[in-house]
N, C-alpha and C. Protein backbone atom coordinates (compact mmCIF):
# COMPACT_ATOMS: atom_id res chain seq x y z
N MET A 1 135.00 162.22 204.25
CA MET A 1 133.71 161.78 203.84
C MET A 1 133.69 161.52 202.35
N LYS A 2 134.43 162.18 201.59
CA LYS A 2 134.48 161.96 200.17
C LYS A 2 134.93 160.54 199.86
N LYS A 3 135.83 159.99 200.63
CA LYS A 3 136.31 158.64 200.39
C LYS A 3 135.21 157.61 200.60
N LEU A 4 134.39 157.78 201.52
CA LEU A 4 133.32 156.83 201.79
C LEU A 4 132.28 156.83 200.66
N VAL A 5 131.98 157.94 200.14
CA VAL A 5 130.99 158.02 199.06
C VAL A 5 131.53 157.34 197.81
N ILE A 6 132.78 157.58 197.46
CA ILE A 6 133.38 156.96 196.28
C ILE A 6 133.44 155.45 196.46
N ALA A 7 133.84 155.00 197.61
CA ALA A 7 133.91 153.56 197.86
C ALA A 7 132.53 152.94 197.78
N GLY A 8 131.52 153.60 198.24
CA GLY A 8 130.14 153.08 198.20
C GLY A 8 129.64 152.98 196.76
N LEU A 9 129.97 153.93 195.94
CA LEU A 9 129.56 153.89 194.55
C LEU A 9 130.28 152.79 193.79
N THR A 10 131.57 152.60 194.08
CA THR A 10 132.34 151.55 193.41
C THR A 10 131.76 150.18 193.74
N ALA A 11 131.42 149.94 194.97
CA ALA A 11 130.86 148.66 195.38
C ALA A 11 129.51 148.41 194.72
N ALA A 12 128.74 149.44 194.48
CA ALA A 12 127.43 149.29 193.87
C ALA A 12 127.55 149.03 192.36
N VAL A 13 128.59 149.55 191.68
CA VAL A 13 128.74 149.40 190.24
C VAL A 13 129.28 148.03 189.86
N ILE A 14 130.10 147.41 190.66
CA ILE A 14 130.73 146.13 190.34
C ILE A 14 129.69 145.02 190.08
N PRO A 15 128.66 144.82 190.89
CA PRO A 15 127.70 143.76 190.58
C PRO A 15 126.98 144.00 189.24
N PHE A 16 126.65 145.22 188.90
CA PHE A 16 125.97 145.50 187.63
C PHE A 16 126.90 145.23 186.44
N ALA A 17 128.17 145.52 186.57
CA ALA A 17 129.12 145.27 185.49
C ALA A 17 129.28 143.77 185.28
N ALA A 18 129.29 143.00 186.34
CA ALA A 18 129.43 141.56 186.22
C ALA A 18 128.20 140.96 185.53
N MET A 19 127.03 141.46 185.81
CA MET A 19 125.82 140.97 185.17
C MET A 19 125.80 141.35 183.69
N ALA A 20 126.27 142.51 183.34
CA ALA A 20 126.27 142.96 181.96
C ALA A 20 127.27 142.18 181.11
N ALA A 21 128.25 141.54 181.70
CA ALA A 21 129.27 140.81 180.95
C ALA A 21 128.73 139.49 180.40
N GLY A 22 127.53 139.02 180.75
CA GLY A 22 126.94 137.79 180.22
C GLY A 22 127.57 136.54 180.77
N ASN A 23 127.41 136.30 182.00
CA ASN A 23 128.00 135.15 182.65
C ASN A 23 127.17 133.87 182.52
N GLY A 24 126.04 133.88 181.83
CA GLY A 24 125.21 132.68 181.74
C GLY A 24 124.42 132.64 180.45
N THR A 25 123.87 131.45 180.11
CA THR A 25 123.04 131.26 178.92
C THR A 25 121.85 130.38 179.31
N VAL A 26 120.70 130.75 178.84
CA VAL A 26 119.52 129.91 179.02
C VAL A 26 118.98 129.59 177.63
N SER A 27 118.35 128.43 177.48
CA SER A 27 117.80 128.07 176.19
C SER A 27 116.49 127.32 176.37
N ASP A 28 115.78 127.20 175.27
CA ASP A 28 114.49 126.51 175.24
C ASP A 28 114.44 125.72 173.94
N ASP A 29 114.10 124.45 173.99
CA ASP A 29 113.93 123.63 172.80
C ASP A 29 112.45 123.33 172.61
N PHE A 30 112.03 123.23 171.35
CA PHE A 30 110.68 122.79 171.05
C PHE A 30 110.68 122.02 169.74
N THR A 31 109.66 121.23 169.52
CA THR A 31 109.55 120.38 168.33
C THR A 31 108.46 120.92 167.41
N ILE A 32 108.74 120.90 166.13
CA ILE A 32 107.75 121.25 165.13
C ILE A 32 107.29 119.96 164.46
N THR A 33 105.99 119.74 164.40
CA THR A 33 105.43 118.54 163.77
C THR A 33 104.47 118.97 162.67
N ALA A 34 104.63 118.41 161.49
CA ALA A 34 103.70 118.63 160.38
C ALA A 34 103.17 117.28 159.93
N THR A 35 101.88 117.14 159.88
CA THR A 35 101.25 115.89 159.47
C THR A 35 100.68 116.05 158.07
N VAL A 36 101.03 115.14 157.18
CA VAL A 36 100.46 115.11 155.83
C VAL A 36 99.49 113.94 155.80
N SER A 37 98.23 114.24 155.56
CA SER A 37 97.19 113.22 155.56
C SER A 37 96.92 112.74 154.13
N PRO A 38 96.40 111.53 153.99
CA PRO A 38 96.01 111.06 152.66
C PRO A 38 94.97 112.00 152.07
N TYR A 39 95.07 112.23 150.76
CA TYR A 39 94.13 113.12 150.08
C TYR A 39 94.18 112.86 148.59
N CYS A 40 93.02 112.86 147.95
CA CYS A 40 92.93 112.75 146.49
C CYS A 40 91.94 113.79 145.99
N GLU A 41 92.14 114.20 144.74
CA GLU A 41 91.18 115.09 144.10
C GLU A 41 91.08 114.74 142.62
N ILE A 42 89.90 114.96 142.07
CA ILE A 42 89.71 114.75 140.64
C ILE A 42 90.23 115.98 139.93
N THR A 43 91.17 115.77 139.02
CA THR A 43 91.81 116.88 138.32
C THR A 43 91.28 117.05 136.91
N ASN A 44 90.70 116.00 136.36
CA ASN A 44 90.19 116.05 135.00
C ASN A 44 89.03 115.05 134.90
N GLY A 45 87.84 115.51 135.20
CA GLY A 45 86.68 114.63 135.20
C GLY A 45 86.32 114.12 133.82
N ALA A 46 85.71 112.96 133.77
CA ALA A 46 85.27 112.38 132.50
C ALA A 46 84.25 113.30 131.83
N GLN A 47 84.33 113.39 130.53
CA GLN A 47 83.41 114.23 129.76
C GLN A 47 82.12 113.46 129.46
N ASP A 48 81.03 114.20 129.29
CA ASP A 48 79.77 113.58 128.89
C ASP A 48 79.95 112.89 127.54
N ILE A 49 79.22 111.82 127.35
CA ILE A 49 79.32 111.03 126.12
C ILE A 49 77.97 111.07 125.40
N SER A 50 78.03 111.29 124.11
CA SER A 50 76.83 111.27 123.28
C SER A 50 77.15 110.42 122.04
N VAL A 51 76.36 109.38 121.81
CA VAL A 51 76.58 108.50 120.66
C VAL A 51 75.26 108.32 119.91
N ASN A 52 75.37 107.89 118.69
CA ASN A 52 74.19 107.51 117.91
C ASN A 52 74.05 106.00 117.96
N TYR A 53 72.84 105.53 118.16
CA TYR A 53 72.59 104.09 118.24
C TYR A 53 71.57 103.70 117.17
N ASN A 54 71.92 102.69 116.38
CA ASN A 54 71.02 102.17 115.35
C ASN A 54 70.69 100.72 115.72
N PRO A 55 69.44 100.45 116.07
CA PRO A 55 69.07 99.09 116.47
C PRO A 55 69.37 98.04 115.39
N TYR A 56 69.46 98.44 114.13
CA TYR A 56 69.70 97.50 113.05
C TYR A 56 71.19 97.23 112.80
N ALA A 57 72.06 97.98 113.46
CA ALA A 57 73.50 97.77 113.27
C ALA A 57 73.90 96.42 113.86
N ASP A 58 74.88 95.79 113.24
CA ASP A 58 75.32 94.46 113.68
C ASP A 58 76.31 94.50 114.84
N GLU A 59 76.89 95.64 115.10
CA GLU A 59 77.92 95.73 116.14
C GLU A 59 77.50 96.67 117.26
N ALA A 60 77.99 96.36 118.43
CA ALA A 60 77.73 97.20 119.59
C ALA A 60 78.36 98.58 119.40
N VAL A 61 77.79 99.55 120.07
CA VAL A 61 78.37 100.89 120.09
C VAL A 61 79.24 100.98 121.35
N THR A 62 80.48 101.41 121.17
CA THR A 62 81.37 101.55 122.32
C THR A 62 81.90 102.98 122.39
N ALA A 63 82.17 103.40 123.58
CA ALA A 63 82.76 104.72 123.83
C ALA A 63 83.66 104.58 125.05
N SER A 64 84.53 105.52 125.23
CA SER A 64 85.41 105.46 126.41
C SER A 64 85.34 106.78 127.16
N ALA A 65 85.64 106.67 128.43
CA ALA A 65 85.68 107.84 129.31
C ALA A 65 86.84 107.66 130.27
N THR A 66 87.49 108.76 130.59
CA THR A 66 88.62 108.71 131.52
C THR A 66 88.47 109.78 132.59
N THR A 67 88.68 109.37 133.83
CA THR A 67 88.70 110.31 134.94
C THR A 67 90.14 110.46 135.40
N GLY A 68 90.63 111.70 135.39
CA GLY A 68 91.99 111.98 135.88
C GLY A 68 91.93 112.43 137.32
N PHE A 69 92.88 111.96 138.11
CA PHE A 69 92.91 112.33 139.53
C PHE A 69 94.34 112.37 140.02
N ASN A 70 94.53 112.95 141.16
CA ASN A 70 95.85 113.01 141.78
C ASN A 70 95.69 112.87 143.28
N CYS A 71 96.65 112.19 143.89
CA CYS A 71 96.63 111.98 145.33
C CYS A 71 97.98 112.41 145.92
N VAL A 72 97.98 112.65 147.20
CA VAL A 72 99.24 112.91 147.91
C VAL A 72 100.09 111.65 147.78
N LYS A 73 101.37 111.83 147.53
CA LYS A 73 102.29 110.70 147.35
C LYS A 73 102.15 109.70 148.50
N GLY A 74 101.98 108.43 148.14
CA GLY A 74 101.84 107.37 149.13
C GLY A 74 100.40 107.10 149.55
N THR A 75 99.44 107.82 148.96
CA THR A 75 98.03 107.61 149.31
C THR A 75 97.48 106.41 148.55
N SER A 76 96.89 105.48 149.28
CA SER A 76 96.21 104.33 148.67
C SER A 76 94.78 104.74 148.37
N TYR A 77 94.27 104.29 147.22
CA TYR A 77 92.92 104.67 146.82
C TYR A 77 92.16 103.45 146.29
N ASN A 78 90.84 103.55 146.34
CA ASN A 78 89.93 102.57 145.77
C ASN A 78 88.95 103.32 144.88
N ILE A 79 88.77 102.82 143.66
CA ILE A 79 87.84 103.44 142.73
C ILE A 79 86.64 102.52 142.56
N THR A 80 85.45 103.10 142.66
CA THR A 80 84.22 102.35 142.48
C THR A 80 83.35 103.09 141.47
N VAL A 81 82.88 102.37 140.46
CA VAL A 81 82.02 102.96 139.44
C VAL A 81 80.60 102.46 139.68
N THR A 82 79.68 103.40 139.75
CA THR A 82 78.26 103.06 139.85
C THR A 82 77.62 103.48 138.53
N ALA A 83 77.10 102.51 137.80
CA ALA A 83 76.51 102.78 136.49
C ALA A 83 75.18 102.06 136.37
N PRO A 84 74.26 102.66 135.66
CA PRO A 84 72.99 101.95 135.44
C PRO A 84 73.21 100.79 134.46
N SER A 85 72.36 99.82 134.54
CA SER A 85 72.44 98.72 133.57
C SER A 85 71.71 99.08 132.29
N ALA A 86 70.95 100.18 132.33
CA ALA A 86 70.23 100.63 131.14
C ALA A 86 70.06 102.15 131.17
N LEU A 87 70.04 102.74 129.99
CA LEU A 87 69.73 104.15 129.83
C LEU A 87 68.21 104.26 129.66
N GLN A 88 67.62 105.24 130.30
CA GLN A 88 66.17 105.39 130.26
C GLN A 88 65.75 106.38 129.18
N GLY A 89 64.73 106.02 128.40
CA GLY A 89 64.17 106.92 127.40
C GLY A 89 63.55 108.13 128.07
N GLN A 90 63.75 109.28 127.50
CA GLN A 90 63.22 110.51 128.10
C GLN A 90 61.73 110.71 127.81
N ASN A 91 61.23 110.13 126.72
CA ASN A 91 59.83 110.34 126.33
C ASN A 91 59.04 109.05 126.21
N THR A 92 59.72 107.92 126.29
CA THR A 92 59.04 106.62 126.18
C THR A 92 59.40 105.81 127.41
N GLY A 93 58.78 104.68 127.55
CA GLY A 93 59.11 103.78 128.65
C GLY A 93 60.25 102.84 128.31
N ASP A 94 60.84 103.00 127.13
CA ASP A 94 61.91 102.10 126.69
C ASP A 94 63.20 102.35 127.45
N SER A 95 64.02 101.33 127.46
CA SER A 95 65.36 101.47 128.04
C SER A 95 66.36 100.78 127.11
N LEU A 96 67.57 101.28 127.17
CA LEU A 96 68.65 100.81 126.29
C LEU A 96 69.75 100.24 127.18
N ASN A 97 69.95 98.92 127.10
CA ASN A 97 70.95 98.27 127.96
C ASN A 97 72.36 98.77 127.65
N ILE A 98 73.14 98.92 128.72
CA ILE A 98 74.55 99.32 128.58
C ILE A 98 75.38 98.55 129.60
N SER A 99 76.68 98.59 129.40
CA SER A 99 77.60 98.10 130.43
C SER A 99 78.79 99.04 130.48
N VAL A 100 79.33 99.17 131.66
CA VAL A 100 80.52 99.99 131.88
C VAL A 100 81.57 99.11 132.53
N THR A 101 82.75 99.05 131.96
CA THR A 101 83.84 98.26 132.53
C THR A 101 85.14 99.06 132.50
N PRO A 102 86.03 98.89 133.42
CA PRO A 102 85.84 98.13 134.66
C PRO A 102 84.99 98.93 135.64
N THR A 103 84.54 98.27 136.69
CA THR A 103 83.71 98.94 137.69
C THR A 103 84.47 99.22 138.98
N SER A 104 85.74 98.84 139.02
CA SER A 104 86.54 99.14 140.21
C SER A 104 88.02 99.05 139.88
N ASN A 105 88.81 99.64 140.75
CA ASN A 105 90.26 99.59 140.64
C ASN A 105 90.82 100.09 141.96
N SER A 106 92.05 99.76 142.24
CA SER A 106 92.69 100.27 143.45
C SER A 106 94.18 100.43 143.18
N GLY A 107 94.82 101.18 144.02
CA GLY A 107 96.26 101.39 143.86
C GLY A 107 96.80 102.36 144.87
N THR A 108 98.02 102.76 144.66
CA THR A 108 98.69 103.75 145.50
C THR A 108 99.36 104.75 144.58
N ASP A 109 99.14 106.03 144.85
CA ASP A 109 99.78 107.08 144.05
C ASP A 109 101.21 107.23 144.56
N ASN A 110 102.16 106.79 143.75
CA ASN A 110 103.57 106.85 144.16
C ASN A 110 104.31 108.06 143.60
N ASN A 111 103.68 108.81 142.70
CA ASN A 111 104.38 109.96 142.14
C ASN A 111 103.82 111.29 142.61
N GLY A 112 102.75 111.29 143.38
CA GLY A 112 102.21 112.51 143.96
C GLY A 112 101.97 113.60 142.93
N MET A 113 102.50 114.77 143.19
CA MET A 113 102.29 115.92 142.33
C MET A 113 103.04 115.83 141.01
N ALA A 114 103.91 114.85 140.86
CA ALA A 114 104.72 114.73 139.65
C ALA A 114 103.92 114.24 138.45
N GLY A 115 102.74 113.66 138.66
CA GLY A 115 101.97 113.16 137.52
C GLY A 115 100.57 112.78 137.90
N GLU A 116 99.67 112.93 136.94
CA GLU A 116 98.26 112.62 137.16
C GLU A 116 98.01 111.12 136.98
N GLU A 117 97.16 110.59 137.82
CA GLU A 117 96.68 109.21 137.67
C GLU A 117 95.44 109.26 136.78
N SER A 118 95.09 108.13 136.18
CA SER A 118 93.87 108.12 135.38
C SER A 118 93.18 106.77 135.51
N PHE A 119 91.87 106.81 135.32
CA PHE A 119 91.05 105.62 135.35
C PHE A 119 90.18 105.63 134.10
N ALA A 120 90.39 104.68 133.20
CA ALA A 120 89.68 104.62 131.93
C ALA A 120 88.57 103.58 131.98
N MET A 121 87.44 103.92 131.38
CA MET A 121 86.29 103.02 131.34
C MET A 121 85.82 102.87 129.90
N THR A 122 85.23 101.72 129.61
CA THR A 122 84.62 101.49 128.31
C THR A 122 83.12 101.33 128.52
N ILE A 123 82.36 102.06 127.74
CA ILE A 123 80.90 101.98 127.79
C ILE A 123 80.46 101.23 126.54
N THR A 124 79.65 100.20 126.72
CA THR A 124 79.19 99.37 125.60
C THR A 124 77.67 99.35 125.57
N ILE A 125 77.10 99.62 124.39
CA ILE A 125 75.67 99.49 124.17
C ILE A 125 75.51 98.33 123.18
N PRO A 126 75.01 97.19 123.65
CA PRO A 126 74.91 96.01 122.78
C PRO A 126 74.03 96.27 121.55
N ALA A 127 74.38 95.61 120.47
CA ALA A 127 73.63 95.73 119.21
C ALA A 127 72.28 95.02 119.30
N GLY A 128 71.37 95.40 118.40
CA GLY A 128 70.11 94.68 118.23
C GLY A 128 69.04 94.93 119.26
N GLN A 129 69.05 96.02 119.96
CA GLN A 129 68.01 96.29 120.95
C GLN A 129 66.83 96.99 120.26
N ASP A 130 65.64 96.46 120.45
CA ASP A 130 64.44 96.99 119.81
C ASP A 130 63.86 98.11 120.67
N VAL A 131 64.30 99.34 120.38
CA VAL A 131 63.87 100.50 121.16
C VAL A 131 63.26 101.55 120.23
N SER A 132 62.49 102.44 120.83
CA SER A 132 61.83 103.52 120.09
C SER A 132 62.75 104.70 119.87
N VAL A 133 62.37 105.55 118.92
CA VAL A 133 63.08 106.81 118.70
C VAL A 133 62.94 107.63 119.98
N ASP A 134 64.04 108.06 120.54
CA ASP A 134 64.03 108.81 121.80
C ASP A 134 65.46 109.20 122.14
N THR A 135 65.61 109.94 123.17
CA THR A 135 66.93 110.23 123.75
C THR A 135 67.00 109.44 125.04
N TYR A 136 68.07 108.66 125.21
CA TYR A 136 68.23 107.78 126.36
C TYR A 136 69.38 108.31 127.21
N GLN A 137 69.14 108.35 128.52
CA GLN A 137 70.16 108.91 129.42
C GLN A 137 70.32 108.09 130.69
N GLY A 138 71.50 108.21 131.26
CA GLY A 138 71.82 107.62 132.55
C GLY A 138 73.06 108.28 133.09
N THR A 139 73.29 108.15 134.36
CA THR A 139 74.43 108.79 135.01
C THR A 139 75.39 107.75 135.55
N VAL A 140 76.65 107.93 135.24
CA VAL A 140 77.73 107.08 135.77
C VAL A 140 78.47 107.91 136.82
N THR A 141 78.69 107.31 137.98
CA THR A 141 79.41 108.00 139.06
C THR A 141 80.71 107.27 139.35
N VAL A 142 81.80 108.01 139.40
CA VAL A 142 83.10 107.45 139.74
C VAL A 142 83.47 107.99 141.12
N ASP A 143 83.59 107.09 142.10
CA ASP A 143 83.99 107.47 143.46
C ASP A 143 85.41 107.03 143.71
N ILE A 144 86.21 107.92 144.23
CA ILE A 144 87.59 107.60 144.62
C ILE A 144 87.68 107.78 146.12
N SER A 145 87.85 106.68 146.83
CA SER A 145 87.99 106.75 148.28
C SER A 145 89.45 106.52 148.64
N TYR A 146 89.88 107.16 149.69
CA TYR A 146 91.28 107.08 150.13
C TYR A 146 91.36 107.09 151.63
């Protein structure tokens, strides 16, 4: 009877040993996808401008403003400037004509994070406007669409 028990145990151990030896391999593949979307942000907004205007001066008053921005590399952008044609007096009904140029631009950011893009504007207040003593204000908006 001892022989039968030993033989039975040996037969039961052999299949487990074969499985433990690693007779097969299974695998699974998957794909990783990352999407980079167009994106822009203003990194250095234009500063407020304050100038003195003398109606008797012979030359226009000019000032400049620059908006700094950055986009993801390869992002196409369009810049649109919305500016009033006149600054409004805060205490009088007078207005002071102005112009802002350029009023648009477009391009593609090809250097991405390596460098800031910029958009420069010139603000001109023509000479010889007959206005009252006052503070004149208006808001210029720079929109960057992408």
